[in-house]
């Protein structure tokens, strides 16, 4: 046990202090994003919107995310990642607090669009900051540490969120989410001010390539958008499925979602370290992650036993653990030859586009076709994603051999 524990600790060695601070800021921020997993439930149960209305509101969420990711990339290339991150965090906190006072379909669509427009300017800036604060050999582990912070926050967030809903009300979630964003802002100003933070990987590129001309990267983004559509079912459709079909309470839903973050916190860093040292390519590992994530929804149709929800969550968690760190690393690696903000904005936008279609498509399909047919269709999308990644991986390997 001592050897295992020491090996676990060794996977964290060599990361810069700035990466640890960035992880802490992300943890504070993500611990407060307990509104998001419960958003579809809040709209349906508390505000009494139809499932169809919830789908359209989640599309407004996705549109705001696309616009925010694009704007974040532009601003990062123009004014730098630090200013973008600070302004995004502070403004997001204020907007989240204000969201609880909206109660009509139109006002919520506009409100959620504005929240995500501001919130997702943070994402491209954060990726560029992470790249700057990491030594080249530590990129994947730095990305994994940030994901650990996200998932530790996400494991605590839904569980605490379920308690807040049970003990207080949904409005309490908006207060906590807003306050944690504001707290994260002040922590960042204190510890990652450019006068204090040490940049380890400055990329000077006098003639950067446009990400829009990188065909392999664009194909990769299509696969990521499809993967996002599958993965995002766990943030909207699946929570309603848990409640309607398996009759879980908000607290039980929060604990089940929290299991995902807890497993990632314990296992992801050693798993990534092990996979990083293997012969597998980044795209090859992402292929495996896409297959596992697709299977996580397929198994839900195999039995009515409630325990299958845990099996599905485990499959999705391991798929996510494999796919996301290596997709992040692939994007960062490609970004070195171009405008970093532009590359990372497009990477973020691939998931934002998934927000536009993923939530709405899942919710609309469950309303018209039922949950079983929806899970079959979403699984098919996962396997299309896997096929694209498999083909792209083989083509890039062949290209390297021909060089």
Protein backbone atom coordinates (compact mmCIF):
# COMPACT_ATOMS: atom_id res chain seq x y z
CA UNK A 1 0.00 0.00 0.00
CA UNK A 2 2.89 2.34 0.86
CA UNK A 3 4.50 1.69 -2.54
CA UNK A 4 1.20 2.32 -4.32
CA UNK A 5 0.70 5.55 -2.38
CA UNK A 6 4.25 6.75 -3.15
CA UNK A 7 3.81 5.91 -6.84
CA UNK A 8 0.55 7.88 -6.81
CA UNK A 9 2.30 10.91 -5.30
CA UNK A 10 5.17 10.62 -7.81
CA UNK A 11 2.73 11.16 -10.68
CA UNK A 12 2.25 14.74 -9.41
CA UNK A 13 5.96 15.60 -9.16
CA UNK A 14 7.57 18.20 -11.43
CA UNK A 15 4.47 20.33 -12.03
CA UNK A 16 4.96 24.08 -11.62
CA UNK A 17 3.49 26.06 -8.70
CA UNK A 18 1.46 28.09 -11.21
CA UNK A 19 -0.25 24.90 -12.44
CA UNK A 20 -1.15 24.03 -8.84
CA UNK A 21 -2.61 27.53 -8.33
CA UNK A 22 -4.52 27.23 -11.60
CA UNK A 23 -5.87 23.88 -10.40
CA UNK A 24 -6.98 25.43 -7.09
CA UNK A 25 -8.78 28.27 -8.89
CA UNK A 26 -10.47 25.72 -11.16
CA UNK A 27 -11.45 23.62 -8.11
CA UNK A 28 -13.06 26.62 -6.38
CA UNK A 29 -14.87 27.58 -9.57
CA UNK A 30 -16.05 24.05 -10.41
CA UNK A 31 -17.18 23.23 -6.88
CA UNK A 32 -19.72 25.99 -7.40
CA UNK A 33 -21.00 24.87 -10.80
CA UNK A 34 -23.62 22.72 -9.12
CA UNK A 35 -26.32 24.60 -11.04
CA UNK A 36 -25.38 22.97 -14.35
CA UNK A 37 -26.12 19.26 -13.60
CA UNK A 38 -29.41 20.29 -12.00
CA UNK A 39 -30.36 22.93 -14.58
CA UNK A 40 -32.68 20.70 -16.61
CA UNK A 41 -34.32 19.44 -13.40
CA UNK A 42 -34.66 23.02 -12.08
CA UNK A 43 -36.38 24.15 -15.28
CA UNK A 44 -38.73 21.13 -15.34
CA UNK A 45 -39.50 20.66 -11.64
CA UNK A 46 -39.27 24.17 -10.17
CA UNK A 47 -40.31 26.38 -13.10
CA UNK A 48 -42.61 23.73 -14.66
CA UNK A 49 -41.34 23.99 -18.24
CA UNK A 50 -42.03 21.12 -20.64
CA UNK A 51 -39.18 18.82 -21.67
CA UNK A 52 -39.33 20.44 -25.14
CA UNK A 53 -38.92 23.92 -23.63
CA UNK A 54 -35.99 22.68 -21.54
CA UNK A 55 -34.37 21.40 -24.73
CA UNK A 56 -34.57 24.81 -26.39
CA UNK A 57 -33.23 26.55 -23.29
CA UNK A 58 -30.26 24.16 -23.30
CA UNK A 59 -29.69 25.07 -26.96
CA UNK A 60 -29.47 28.74 -25.90
CA UNK A 61 -26.91 27.52 -23.34
CA UNK A 62 -24.92 25.93 -26.19
CA UNK A 63 -25.15 29.00 -28.44
CA UNK A 64 -23.79 31.16 -25.63
CA UNK A 65 -20.99 28.65 -25.11
CA UNK A 66 -20.03 28.72 -28.82
CA UNK A 67 -20.01 32.53 -28.90
CA UNK A 68 -18.08 32.69 -25.62
CA UNK A 69 -15.43 30.21 -26.75
CA UNK A 70 -14.90 32.08 -30.03
CA UNK A 71 -14.73 35.44 -28.24
CA UNK A 72 -12.39 34.02 -25.58
CA UNK A 73 -9.95 32.85 -28.26
CA UNK A 74 -9.97 36.26 -29.97
CA UNK A 75 -9.51 38.16 -26.72
CA UNK A 76 -6.76 35.80 -25.53
CA UNK A 77 -4.70 36.46 -28.67
CA UNK A 78 -5.30 40.22 -28.31
CA UNK A 79 -5.10 41.06 -24.57
CA UNK A 80 -3.68 37.86 -23.01
CA UNK A 81 -5.07 34.96 -21.01
CA UNK A 82 -4.81 36.58 -17.55
CA UNK A 83 -7.12 39.52 -18.25
CA UNK A 84 -9.65 37.29 -20.01
CA UNK A 85 -9.78 34.79 -17.12
CA UNK A 86 -10.16 37.43 -14.37
CA UNK A 87 -12.93 39.32 -16.16
CA UNK A 88 -14.74 36.12 -17.10
CA UNK A 89 -14.78 34.73 -13.55
CA UNK A 90 -15.97 37.95 -11.91
CA UNK A 91 -18.70 38.63 -14.48
CA UNK A 92 -19.90 35.02 -14.44
CA UNK A 93 -20.34 35.15 -10.67
CA UNK A 94 -22.54 38.24 -10.88
CA UNK A 95 -24.61 36.82 -13.76
CA UNK A 96 -25.21 33.47 -12.00
CA UNK A 97 -26.62 35.26 -8.96
CA UNK A 98 -28.92 37.28 -11.24
CA UNK A 99 -30.14 34.15 -13.09
CA UNK A 100 -32.35 33.00 -10.21
CA UNK A 101 -34.65 36.01 -10.69
CA UNK A 102 -35.59 35.01 -14.26
CA UNK A 103 -38.71 32.87 -14.67
CA UNK A 104 -40.10 33.25 -18.21
CA UNK A 105 -39.03 31.16 -21.20
CA UNK A 106 -37.67 34.15 -23.16
CA UNK A 107 -35.83 35.75 -20.22
CA UNK A 108 -34.20 32.43 -19.26
CA UNK A 109 -33.08 31.79 -22.85
CA UNK A 110 -31.48 35.25 -23.00
CA UNK A 111 -30.08 34.92 -19.47
CA UNK A 112 -28.48 31.52 -19.97
CA UNK A 113 -27.05 32.68 -23.32
CA UNK A 114 -25.37 35.68 -21.62
CA UNK A 115 -24.08 33.57 -18.71
CA UNK A 116 -22.42 31.09 -21.06
CA UNK A 117 -21.16 33.84 -23.39
CA UNK A 118 -19.22 35.33 -20.49
CA UNK A 119 -18.35 32.07 -18.69
CA UNK A 120 -16.86 30.30 -21.70
CA UNK A 121 -14.44 33.08 -22.63
CA UNK A 122 -12.53 31.51 -19.71
CA UNK A 123 -11.92 28.15 -21.42
CA UNK A 124 -9.56 29.05 -24.31
CA UNK A 125 -7.69 31.43 -22.00
CA UNK A 126 -7.27 28.70 -19.38
CA UNK A 127 -5.84 26.26 -21.95
CA UNK A 128 -3.33 28.86 -23.17
CA UNK A 129 -2.38 29.68 -19.56
CA UNK A 130 -1.92 26.00 -18.82
CA UNK A 131 0.33 25.67 -21.85
CA UNK A 132 2.42 28.67 -20.74
CA UNK A 133 2.86 27.44 -17.15
CA UNK A 134 3.86 23.87 -18.11
CA UNK A 135 7.15 22.44 -19.26
CA UNK A 136 6.73 20.58 -22.58
CA UNK A 137 7.27 17.18 -20.95
CA UNK A 138 4.59 17.89 -18.34
CA UNK A 139 1.74 19.02 -20.61
CA UNK A 140 -0.48 15.95 -20.35
CA UNK A 141 -0.02 15.60 -16.58
CA UNK A 142 -0.71 19.34 -16.13
CA UNK A 143 -3.90 18.96 -18.15
CA UNK A 144 -4.80 15.93 -16.06
CA UNK A 145 -4.25 17.86 -12.81
CA UNK A 146 -6.64 20.57 -14.02
CA UNK A 147 -9.17 17.87 -14.88
CA UNK A 148 -8.70 16.39 -11.41
CA UNK A 149 -9.54 19.78 -9.95
CA UNK A 150 -12.59 20.05 -12.22
CA UNK A 151 -13.80 16.59 -11.25
CA UNK A 152 -13.04 16.94 -7.54
CA UNK A 153 -15.15 20.10 -7.66
CA UNK A 154 -17.76 18.31 -9.73
CA UNK A 155 -17.88 15.35 -7.33
CA UNK A 156 -18.47 17.67 -4.38
CA UNK A 157 -20.73 20.08 -6.30
CA UNK A 158 -23.67 17.81 -7.18
CA UNK A 159 -23.64 16.13 -3.77
CA UNK A 160 -23.68 19.52 -2.00
CA UNK A 161 -26.18 20.77 -4.60
CA UNK A 162 -28.55 17.91 -3.77
CA UNK A 163 -28.31 18.82 -0.09
CA UNK A 164 -28.95 22.51 -0.80
CA UNK A 165 -32.03 21.71 -2.92
CA UNK A 166 -33.34 19.35 -0.26
CA UNK A 167 -32.68 21.72 2.66
CA UNK A 168 -33.26 25.09 1.02
CA UNK A 169 -34.29 25.49 -2.62
CA UNK A 170 -32.92 25.69 -6.15
CA UNK A 171 -32.22 29.43 -5.72
CA UNK A 172 -29.50 28.57 -3.19
CA UNK A 173 -27.52 26.93 -5.99
CA UNK A 174 -27.31 30.19 -7.94
CA UNK A 175 -26.02 32.06 -4.88
CA UNK A 176 -23.33 29.47 -4.18
CA UNK A 177 -22.29 29.25 -7.84
CA UNK A 178 -22.01 33.04 -8.14
CA UNK A 179 -20.09 33.47 -4.89
CA UNK A 180 -17.57 30.72 -5.73
CA UNK A 181 -16.83 32.35 -9.11
CA UNK A 182 -16.16 35.67 -7.36
CA UNK A 183 -13.94 33.97 -4.74
CA UNK A 184 -11.97 32.26 -7.56
CA UNK A 185 -11.45 35.70 -9.14
CA UNK A 186 -9.80 37.13 -6.04
CA UNK A 187 -7.61 34.04 -5.59
CA UNK A 188 -6.42 34.40 -9.18
CA UNK A 189 -5.63 38.12 -8.79
CA UNK A 190 -3.61 37.26 -5.68
CA UNK A 191 -1.52 34.36 -6.99
CA UNK A 192 -1.42 34.45 -10.82
CA UNK A 193 -0.80 38.14 -11.40
CA UNK A 194 1.65 38.39 -14.34
CA UNK A 195 4.18 40.10 -12.04
CA UNK A 196 4.28 36.96 -9.86
CA UNK A 197 3.60 34.04 -12.21
CA UNK A 198 6.50 32.35 -14.00
CA UNK A 199 5.99 31.44 -17.66
CA UNK A 200 7.81 28.19 -18.57
CA UNK A 201 6.88 27.70 -22.23
CA UNK A 202 6.76 30.91 -24.26
CA UNK A 203 5.95 30.21 -27.90
CA UNK A 204 7.21 32.79 -30.34
CA UNK A 205 5.67 32.36 -33.78
CA UNK A 206 6.19 35.25 -36.19
CA UNK A 207 4.18 33.61 -38.97
CA UNK A 208 1.48 31.48 -37.27
CA UNK A 209 -0.66 29.04 -39.25
CA UNK A 210 -4.43 29.44 -39.19
CA UNK A 211 -6.27 26.65 -37.39
CA UNK A 212 -8.88 26.79 -40.16
CA UNK A 213 -6.26 25.48 -42.64
CA UNK A 214 -5.30 22.50 -40.47
CA UNK A 215 -7.43 19.76 -42.06
CA UNK A 216 -6.48 17.04 -39.57
CA UNK A 217 -7.40 19.36 -36.69
CA UNK A 218 -10.78 20.16 -38.26
CA UNK A 219 -11.59 16.44 -38.65
CA UNK A 220 -10.54 15.96 -35.02
CA UNK A 221 -12.97 18.75 -34.02
CA UNK A 222 -15.86 16.98 -35.79
CA UNK A 223 -15.10 13.86 -33.75
CA UNK A 224 -14.94 15.94 -30.55
CA UNK A 225 -18.31 17.57 -31.29
CA UNK A 226 -19.86 14.10 -31.72
CA UNK A 227 -18.19 12.90 -28.53
CA UNK A 228 -19.54 15.97 -26.76
CA UNK A 229 -23.11 15.18 -27.88
CA UNK A 230 -22.79 11.73 -26.31
CA UNK A 231 -21.03 12.89 -23.12
CA UNK A 232 -23.42 15.79 -22.49
CA UNK A 233 -26.37 13.45 -22.09
CA UNK A 234 -25.03 13.05 -18.54
CA UNK A 235 -25.70 16.74 -17.88
CA UNK A 236 -29.33 16.96 -18.97
CA UNK A 237 -31.18 13.93 -20.34
CA UNK A 238 -29.69 11.41 -17.94
CA UNK A 239 -30.71 13.30 -14.79
CA UNK A 240 -34.35 13.36 -15.94
CA UNK A 241 -34.03 9.65 -16.87
CA UNK A 242 -32.75 8.87 -13.36
CA UNK A 243 -35.76 10.64 -11.84
CA UNK A 244 -38.52 9.53 -14.24
CA UNK A 245 -37.51 5.92 -14.90
CA UNK A 246 -35.55 4.88 -11.78
CA UNK A 247 -37.31 7.27 -9.37
CA UNK A 248 -34.10 8.65 -7.82
CA UNK A 249 -34.24 11.72 -5.56
CA UNK A 250 -32.15 14.86 -6.21
CA UNK A 251 -29.78 13.77 -3.42
CA UNK A 252 -29.35 10.29 -4.94
CA UNK A 253 -28.78 11.84 -8.39
CA UNK A 254 -26.17 14.17 -6.88
CA UNK A 255 -24.37 11.26 -5.21
CA UNK A 256 -24.38 9.20 -8.43
CA UNK A 257 -22.96 12.11 -10.42
CA UNK A 258 -20.50 12.72 -7.60
CA UNK A 259 -19.22 9.13 -7.99
CA UNK A 260 -17.90 10.14 -11.40
CA UNK A 261 -15.73 12.91 -10.00
CA UNK A 262 -14.53 10.83 -7.04
CA UNK A 263 -13.31 7.98 -9.28
CA UNK A 264 -11.55 10.44 -11.56
CA UNK A 265 -9.87 12.08 -8.57
CA UNK A 266 -8.50 8.73 -7.36
CA UNK A 267 -7.60 6.96 -10.61
CA UNK A 268 -7.09 9.43 -13.45
CA UNK A 269 -3.54 10.69 -12.76
CA UNK A 270 -2.00 7.18 -12.32
CA UNK A 271 -3.98 5.92 -15.33
CA UNK A 272 -2.81 8.79 -17.53
CA UNK A 273 0.80 8.37 -16.37
CA UNK A 274 0.61 4.68 -17.28
CA UNK A 275 -1.02 5.33 -20.67
CA UNK A 276 1.41 8.17 -21.41
CA UNK A 277 4.30 5.71 -21.05
CA UNK A 278 2.60 3.18 -23.33
CA UNK A 279 2.98 2.96 -27.11
CA UNK A 280 -0.58 4.07 -27.80
CA UNK A 281 -1.16 7.29 -29.73
CA UNK A 282 -3.35 10.09 -28.38
CA UNK A 283 -5.97 9.47 -31.07
CA UNK A 284 -5.89 5.72 -30.44
CA UNK A 285 -6.62 6.28 -26.75
CA UNK A 286 -9.40 8.74 -27.59
CA UNK A 287 -10.93 6.01 -29.81
CA UNK A 288 -11.09 3.69 -26.79
CA UNK A 289 -12.62 6.46 -24.69
CA UNK A 290 -15.35 7.08 -27.25
CA UNK A 291 -16.25 3.37 -27.36
CA UNK A 292 -16.49 3.13 -23.56
CA UNK A 293 -18.66 6.25 -23.35
CA UNK A 294 -21.04 4.90 -25.99
CA UNK A 295 -21.30 1.58 -24.15
CA UNK A 296 -22.19 3.44 -20.93
CA UNK A 297 -25.54 4.43 -22.47
CA UNK A 298 -26.11 1.17 -24.33
CA UNK A 299 -26.03 -0.87 -21.10
CA UNK A 300 -28.98 1.14 -19.73
CA UNK A 301 -31.23 -0.70 -22.21
CA UNK A 302 -30.09 -4.17 -21.10
CA UNK A 303 -31.93 -4.32 -17.77
CA UNK A 304 -34.34 -2.40 -15.56
CA UNK A 305 -32.14 -3.09 -12.51
CA UNK A 306 -31.21 0.24 -10.88
CA UNK A 307 -27.66 -1.00 -10.27
CA UNK A 308 -27.02 -0.70 -14.02
CA UNK A 309 -26.88 3.08 -13.48
CA UNK A 310 -23.65 2.58 -11.54
CA UNK A 311 -22.27 0.32 -14.30
CA UNK A 312 -23.11 2.98 -16.89
CA UNK A 313 -21.52 5.70 -14.77
CA UNK A 314 -18.32 3.64 -14.38
CA UNK A 315 -18.07 3.00 -18.14
CA UNK A 316 -18.64 6.68 -18.88
CA UNK A 317 -16.09 7.71 -16.24
CA UNK A 318 -13.32 5.53 -17.63
CA UNK A 319 -14.19 6.63 -21.18
CA UNK A 320 -13.99 10.24 -20.08
CA UNK A 321 -10.71 9.67 -18.22
CA UNK A 322 -9.08 8.29 -21.34
CA UNK A 323 -10.63 10.61 -23.96
CA UNK A 324 -10.43 14.09 -22.45
CA UNK A 325 -6.79 14.42 -21.29
CA UNK A 326 -5.45 13.12 -24.59
CA UNK A 327 -7.85 15.23 -26.67
CA UNK A 328 -6.69 18.29 -24.70
CA UNK A 329 -3.06 17.31 -25.27
CA UNK A 330 -3.63 16.72 -28.99
CA UNK A 331 -5.20 20.18 -29.35
CA UNK A 332 -2.41 21.92 -27.38
CA UNK A 333 0.22 20.14 -29.49
CA UNK A 334 -1.39 21.26 -32.76
CA UNK A 335 -1.79 24.81 -31.39
CA UNK A 336 1.97 25.32 -31.12
CA UNK A 337 2.27 26.03 -34.83
CA UNK A 338 -0.51 28.63 -34.97
CA UNK A 339 -2.46 31.22 -33.04
CA UNK A 340 -2.90 29.45 -29.72
CA UNK A 341 -6.06 31.34 -28.81
CA UNK A 342 -7.63 30.48 -32.17
CA UNK A 343 -6.77 26.77 -31.88
CA UNK A 344 -7.98 26.47 -28.31
CA UNK A 345 -11.11 28.50 -29.10
CA UNK A 346 -12.02 26.03 -31.87
CA UNK A 347 -11.33 23.13 -29.53
CA UNK A 348 -13.64 24.67 -26.91
CA UNK A 349 -16.22 25.48 -29.59
CA UNK A 350 -16.44 21.83 -30.62
CA UNK A 351 -17.93 21.08 -27.21
CA UNK A 352 -20.00 24.26 -27.27
CA UNK A 353 -21.55 23.12 -30.56
CA UNK A 354 -22.30 19.83 -28.83
CA UNK A 355 -24.15 21.85 -26.16
CA UNK A 356 -26.37 23.38 -28.87
CA UNK A 357 -27.41 20.02 -30.33
CA UNK A 358 -26.65 17.45 -27.61
CA UNK A 359 -29.00 18.56 -24.84
CA UNK A 360 -31.85 19.50 -27.15
CA UNK A 361 -31.58 16.39 -29.35
CA UNK A 362 -31.47 14.09 -26.33
CA UNK A 363 -34.45 15.74 -24.64
CA UNK A 364 -36.52 15.95 -27.83
CA UNK A 365 -35.80 12.31 -28.71
CA UNK A 366 -36.77 11.05 -25.26
CA UNK A 367 -40.05 12.96 -25.54
CA UNK A 368 -40.91 11.53 -28.99
CA UNK A 369 -39.11 8.18 -29.17
CA UNK A 370 -38.62 7.17 -25.53
CA UNK A 371 -35.43 6.57 -23.57
CA UNK A 372 -34.53 3.18 -25.07
CA UNK A 373 -34.48 4.44 -28.67
CA UNK A 374 -32.61 7.57 -27.58
CA UNK A 375 -29.82 5.54 -25.95
CA UNK A 376 -29.47 3.40 -29.12
CA UNK A 377 -29.16 6.52 -31.31
CA UNK A 378 -26.68 8.21 -28.97
CA UNK A 379 -24.60 5.01 -28.85
CA UNK A 380 -24.52 4.99 -32.67
CA UNK A 381 -23.20 8.59 -32.61
CA UNK A 382 -20.44 7.47 -30.21
CA UNK A 383 -19.37 4.74 -32.61
CA UNK A 384 -19.31 7.18 -35.57
CA UNK A 385 -17.03 9.37 -33.45
CA UNK A 386 -14.82 6.36 -32.70
CA UNK A 387 -14.63 5.48 -36.42
CA UNK A 388 -13.52 9.03 -37.32
CA UNK A 389 -10.80 8.96 -34.64
CA UNK A 390 -9.64 5.50 -35.78
CA UNK A 391 -9.40 6.65 -39.41
CA UNK A 392 -7.64 9.93 -38.54
CA UNK A 393 -5.16 8.08 -36.33
CA UNK A 394 -4.24 5.68 -39.15
CA UNK A 395 -3.85 8.51 -41.66
CA UNK A 396 -1.59 10.57 -39.40
CA UNK A 397 0.53 7.50 -38.60
CA UNK A 398 0.86 6.75 -42.33
CA UNK A 399 1.80 10.39 -42.99
CA UNK A 400 4.59 10.22 -40.40
CA UNK A 401 5.95 7.03 -41.97
CA UNK A 402 6.03 8.72 -45.39
CA UNK A 403 7.92 11.79 -44.13
